[in-house]
Amino acid sequence: VARVSGGSSAGTANEPWVFVPLPASTFQAAARQEPADSARVRALLQAARGTNAVVCELAARTVDGRFGWSSDGMFTAGGAADSVAGNLVEWVHDREISAATVPLLRAAIGDSDWCVRRLAAPILGRVHDPSAMQAMLAALAAPEPRTREMGALALGFAGDTHTVAPLVARLRDESPRVRATAAWALGEMESTAAVRPLIEVLKDADPSARESAAHALGEVKDTAGIVPLTDVLKSDREPAVRRAAARALGEISG
């Protein structure tokens, strides 16, 4: 916006106004400005899309906080490729995540890309806001098994024992991956209310569900799991399940 003067240094009310439109992109950029956390989540998920399984697994362990970190929270590897990536990794592990990210994460845990779903779920589980809990429970009840699986995964990271009942219900899900993930989540909550249902999963037809249930019983550390885990150790045909049972018995026995 400019006022055109006829030559006098003092403007008058009769001087014409000229309106010069700025490029539309100037306004679009301002309108699309995201909160910092949402922008970080979007950057992470965009980077994850299409990633191969090995790289996704490494990224997931970093997001989970189970890989590449020392006990004092400092990253122990050689450093990130650039400052933007380093900032993103530090933020993810810091786990202080705004509720503004929930709409983006809610969509991401149902995404068709496995790695996008896998990285979004633990982040959603660390958003401390009622909207995040609503999104996780909705995902746990979704029609698609892949979304139910991510709902269970997110709830495991959230660690809210009020969600034990819906997770126990998913121990009978038609999808083995959902059953296994629900069992893992219940172990993360260390709730004794889940012990009996987890013991039943030790008889599941799927070995990944049995392995996850054995691991979860070790996390809960309830002595009711000793006898059934001992039976699994003696008789299960899958070595991975037997190993999980042995570790769980060690955890329970202290």
Protein backbone atom coordinates (compact mmCIF):
# COMPACT_ATOMS: atom_id res chain seq x y z
CA VAL A 1 0.00 0.00 0.00
CA ALA A 2 1.47 3.39 -0.97
CA ARG A 3 0.29 6.97 -1.17
CA VAL A 4 1.35 8.85 -4.32
CA SER A 5 2.40 12.45 -3.67
CA GLY A 6 2.15 15.25 -6.24
CA GLY A 7 5.58 16.53 -5.28
CA SER A 8 4.93 18.14 -1.92
CA SER A 9 6.71 16.61 1.05
CA ALA A 10 3.54 16.81 3.12
CA GLY A 11 0.83 14.35 2.18
CA THR A 12 -2.78 15.42 1.91
CA ALA A 13 -6.06 13.62 2.19
CA ASN A 14 -6.60 14.08 -1.56
CA GLU A 15 -3.51 12.15 -2.60
CA PRO A 16 -4.37 8.89 -4.34
CA TRP A 17 -3.63 5.48 -2.80
CA VAL A 18 -2.07 2.70 -4.85
CA PHE A 19 -2.55 -0.89 -3.77
CA VAL A 20 0.22 -3.23 -4.95
CA PRO A 21 -0.64 -6.89 -4.36
CA LEU A 22 2.15 -9.04 -2.93
CA PRO A 23 2.69 -12.58 -4.24
CA ALA A 24 0.18 -15.05 -2.87
CA SER A 25 2.98 -17.25 -1.55
CA THR A 26 3.87 -14.54 0.98
CA PHE A 27 0.51 -14.94 2.69
CA GLN A 28 0.39 -18.72 2.25
CA ALA A 29 3.72 -19.12 4.00
CA ALA A 30 2.47 -17.11 6.97
CA ALA A 31 -0.82 -18.98 7.08
CA ARG A 32 0.96 -22.30 7.01
CA GLN A 33 3.35 -21.48 9.82
CA GLU A 34 3.28 -24.49 12.15
CA PRO A 35 4.05 -24.71 15.85
CA ALA A 36 7.64 -25.84 16.33
CA ASP A 37 6.76 -29.33 17.56
CA SER A 38 4.37 -29.97 14.68
CA ALA A 39 7.03 -28.88 12.20
CA ARG A 40 9.54 -31.24 13.79
CA VAL A 41 7.11 -34.16 13.70
CA ARG A 42 6.28 -33.45 10.07
CA ALA A 43 9.99 -33.33 9.18
CA LEU A 44 10.62 -36.62 10.94
CA LEU A 45 7.72 -38.43 9.31
CA GLN A 46 8.55 -37.09 5.87
CA ALA A 47 12.09 -38.37 6.28
CA ALA A 48 10.76 -41.77 7.36
CA ARG A 49 8.46 -42.30 4.40
CA GLY A 50 9.75 -44.98 2.08
CA THR A 51 12.70 -45.86 4.32
CA ASN A 52 13.93 -49.45 4.11
CA ALA A 53 13.35 -51.80 7.03
CA VAL A 54 16.89 -51.68 8.43
CA VAL A 55 17.13 -47.89 8.53
CA CYS A 56 13.60 -47.65 9.91
CA GLU A 57 14.47 -50.04 12.73
CA LEU A 58 17.51 -47.96 13.66
CA ALA A 59 15.43 -44.77 13.55
CA ALA A 60 12.66 -46.37 15.61
CA ARG A 61 15.07 -47.38 18.35
CA THR A 62 16.35 -43.83 18.55
CA VAL A 63 12.80 -42.44 18.76
CA ASP A 64 11.92 -45.07 21.37
CA GLY A 65 14.91 -44.02 23.47
CA ARG A 66 16.28 -47.58 23.55
CA PHE A 67 19.27 -47.20 21.24
CA GLY A 68 22.27 -44.92 20.93
CA TRP A 69 21.80 -43.05 24.20
CA SER A 70 23.82 -43.07 27.38
CA SER A 71 22.32 -43.05 30.85
CA ASP A 72 22.72 -39.29 31.19
CA GLY A 73 20.70 -38.61 28.05
CA MET A 74 23.60 -37.56 25.83
CA PHE A 75 23.83 -39.02 22.36
CA THR A 76 26.85 -41.33 22.25
CA ALA A 77 27.39 -41.73 18.52
CA GLY A 78 29.53 -39.51 16.32
CA GLY A 79 26.92 -36.81 15.86
CA ALA A 80 24.22 -36.02 13.32
CA ALA A 81 24.84 -35.29 9.65
CA ASP A 82 23.75 -31.68 10.05
CA SER A 83 22.44 -29.29 12.69
CA VAL A 84 18.79 -29.70 11.65
CA ALA A 85 18.97 -33.48 12.04
CA GLY A 86 20.82 -33.15 15.33
CA ASN A 87 18.22 -30.77 16.70
CA LEU A 88 15.44 -33.12 15.65
CA VAL A 89 17.00 -36.16 17.32
CA GLU A 90 17.63 -34.23 20.54
CA TRP A 91 14.04 -33.00 20.58
CA VAL A 92 12.57 -36.47 19.99
CA HIS A 93 14.51 -37.94 22.86
CA ASP A 94 13.70 -35.03 25.17
CA ARG A 95 10.06 -36.22 25.03
CA GLU A 96 8.50 -32.83 25.81
CA ILE A 97 6.02 -32.86 22.96
CA SER A 98 3.20 -30.38 22.45
CA ALA A 99 -0.45 -31.34 22.10
CA ALA A 100 -0.41 -29.37 18.85
CA THR A 101 1.15 -32.44 17.23
CA VAL A 102 -1.83 -34.71 17.96
CA PRO A 103 -3.80 -34.20 14.70
CA LEU A 104 -0.69 -34.96 12.66
CA LEU A 105 0.24 -37.99 14.76
CA ARG A 106 -3.35 -39.29 14.78
CA ALA A 107 -3.26 -39.43 10.99
CA ALA A 108 0.28 -40.81 10.91
CA ILE A 109 -0.39 -43.91 13.03
CA GLY A 110 -2.92 -44.99 10.40
CA ASP A 111 -0.64 -44.15 7.47
CA SER A 112 -0.04 -46.73 4.73
CA ASP A 113 3.74 -46.44 5.22
CA TRP A 114 5.06 -48.78 7.93
CA CYS A 115 7.93 -46.55 9.01
CA VAL A 116 5.71 -43.48 9.32
CA ARG A 117 3.37 -45.44 11.59
CA ARG A 118 6.21 -46.95 13.59
CA LEU A 119 7.85 -43.60 14.39
CA ALA A 120 4.60 -41.75 15.01
CA ALA A 121 3.26 -44.16 17.65
CA PRO A 122 5.89 -43.67 20.38
CA ILE A 123 5.81 -39.92 19.86
CA LEU A 124 2.03 -39.86 20.28
CA GLY A 125 2.42 -41.95 23.43
CA ARG A 126 4.59 -39.24 24.94
CA VAL A 127 2.12 -36.39 24.40
CA HIS A 128 0.61 -35.69 27.82
CA ASP A 129 -2.79 -34.38 26.82
CA PRO A 130 -6.34 -35.84 26.82
CA SER A 131 -6.52 -35.41 23.04
CA ALA A 132 -3.56 -37.79 22.65
CA MET A 133 -5.21 -40.42 24.83
CA GLN A 134 -8.41 -40.13 22.80
CA ALA A 135 -6.40 -40.61 19.60
CA MET A 136 -4.63 -43.69 20.97
CA LEU A 137 -7.82 -45.35 22.18
CA ALA A 138 -9.53 -44.59 18.86
CA ALA A 139 -6.60 -46.20 17.03
CA LEU A 140 -6.81 -49.26 19.29
CA ALA A 141 -10.44 -49.71 18.20
CA ALA A 142 -9.86 -48.95 14.49
CA PRO A 143 -11.06 -51.33 11.74
CA GLU A 144 -7.55 -51.74 10.30
CA PRO A 145 -5.19 -54.10 12.16
CA ARG A 146 -2.17 -51.91 11.35
CA THR A 147 -3.80 -48.97 13.13
CA ARG A 148 -4.83 -51.08 16.13
CA GLU A 149 -1.25 -52.29 16.41
CA MET A 150 0.05 -48.72 16.51
CA GLY A 151 -2.63 -47.73 19.02
CA ALA A 152 -1.37 -50.47 21.33
CA LEU A 153 2.23 -49.44 20.76
CA ALA A 154 1.46 -45.80 21.57
CA LEU A 155 -0.41 -46.78 24.74
CA GLY A 156 2.58 -48.80 25.86
CA PHE A 157 4.72 -45.69 25.66
CA ALA A 158 2.04 -43.65 27.40
CA GLY A 159 2.08 -46.07 30.33
CA ASP A 160 -1.35 -45.08 31.67
CA THR A 161 -2.74 -47.97 33.70
CA HIS A 162 -6.28 -46.74 33.07
CA THR A 163 -5.93 -48.30 29.61
CA VAL A 164 -5.21 -51.83 30.88
CA ALA A 165 -8.77 -53.04 30.19
CA PRO A 166 -8.91 -52.07 26.47
CA LEU A 167 -5.43 -53.52 25.96
CA VAL A 168 -6.43 -56.79 27.65
CA ALA A 169 -9.36 -56.96 25.23
CA ARG A 170 -6.87 -56.75 22.33
CA LEU A 171 -5.08 -59.85 23.58
CA ARG A 172 -7.91 -61.66 21.76
CA ASP A 173 -7.56 -59.62 18.55
CA GLU A 174 -7.74 -61.48 15.25
CA SER A 175 -4.33 -60.06 14.28
CA PRO A 176 -1.27 -61.73 15.86
CA ARG A 177 0.69 -58.47 15.62
CA VAL A 178 -2.00 -56.63 17.57
CA ARG A 179 -2.05 -59.37 20.22
CA ALA A 180 1.73 -59.27 20.55
CA THR A 181 1.88 -55.48 20.76
CA ALA A 182 -0.94 -55.34 23.30
CA ALA A 183 0.93 -57.86 25.44
CA TRP A 184 4.10 -55.75 25.23
CA ALA A 185 2.16 -52.62 26.20
CA LEU A 186 0.68 -54.33 29.26
CA GLY A 187 4.17 -55.33 30.33
CA GLU A 188 5.27 -51.71 30.10
CA MET A 189 2.48 -50.77 32.52
CA GLU A 190 3.56 -53.45 35.02
CA SER A 191 -0.03 -53.92 36.13
CA THR A 192 -0.87 -57.05 38.09
CA ALA A 193 -4.39 -56.86 36.63
CA ALA A 194 -2.89 -58.05 33.35
CA VAL A 195 -1.11 -61.12 34.75
CA ARG A 196 -3.89 -63.69 34.24
CA PRO A 197 -4.73 -62.52 30.70
CA LEU A 198 -1.02 -62.57 29.81
CA ILE A 199 -0.68 -66.10 31.13
CA GLU A 200 -3.45 -67.13 28.75
CA VAL A 201 -1.50 -65.62 25.84
CA LEU A 202 1.36 -68.03 26.60
CA LYS A 203 -0.88 -70.60 24.87
CA ASP A 204 -1.43 -68.43 21.78
CA ALA A 205 -0.97 -70.09 18.39
CA ASP A 206 1.34 -67.28 17.26
CA PRO A 207 4.92 -67.44 18.61
CA SER A 208 5.40 -63.67 18.56
CA ALA A 209 2.37 -63.26 20.84
CA ARG A 210 3.68 -65.94 23.20
CA GLU A 211 7.13 -64.35 23.26
CA SER A 212 5.67 -60.92 23.96
CA ALA A 213 3.48 -62.27 26.76
CA ALA A 214 6.47 -63.97 28.38
CA HIS A 215 8.45 -60.75 28.21
CA ALA A 216 5.52 -58.81 29.69
CA LEU A 217 5.18 -61.20 32.61
CA GLY A 218 8.84 -60.61 33.38
CA GLU A 219 8.18 -56.87 33.41
CA VAL A 220 5.25 -57.23 35.81
CA LYS A 221 7.31 -59.52 38.10
CA ASP A 222 4.32 -61.24 39.65
CA THR A 223 5.04 -64.66 41.14
CA ALA A 224 1.84 -66.03 39.58
CA GLY A 225 3.79 -66.17 36.34
CA ILE A 226 6.48 -68.58 37.61
CA VAL A 227 4.69 -71.88 37.00
CA PRO A 228 3.28 -71.09 33.54
CA LEU A 229 6.60 -69.57 32.42
CA THR A 230 8.42 -72.67 33.66
CA ASP A 231 6.07 -74.81 31.56
CA VAL A 232 6.83 -72.63 28.54
CA LEU A 233 10.55 -72.95 29.17
CA LYS A 234 10.25 -76.73 29.19
CA SER A 235 7.85 -77.30 26.35
CA ASP A 236 7.50 -74.41 23.85
CA ARG A 237 8.75 -75.40 20.42
CA GLU A 238 10.10 -71.92 19.58
CA PRO A 239 13.58 -71.02 20.91
CA ALA A 240 12.74 -67.31 21.03
CA VAL A 241 9.74 -67.99 23.26
CA ARG A 242 11.79 -70.20 25.55
CA ARG A 243 14.47 -67.53 25.83
CA ALA A 244 11.83 -64.92 26.71
CA ALA A 245 10.43 -67.23 29.38
CA ALA A 246 13.89 -67.80 30.85
CA ARG A 247 14.58 -64.05 31.01
CA ALA A 248 11.17 -63.44 32.57
CA LEU A 249 11.76 -66.05 35.25
CA GLY A 250 15.05 -64.35 36.04
CA GLU A 251 13.28 -61.01 36.37
CA ILE A 252 10.61 -62.44 38.68
CA SER A 253 13.12 -64.31 40.82
CA GLY A 254 15.25 -61.19 41.17
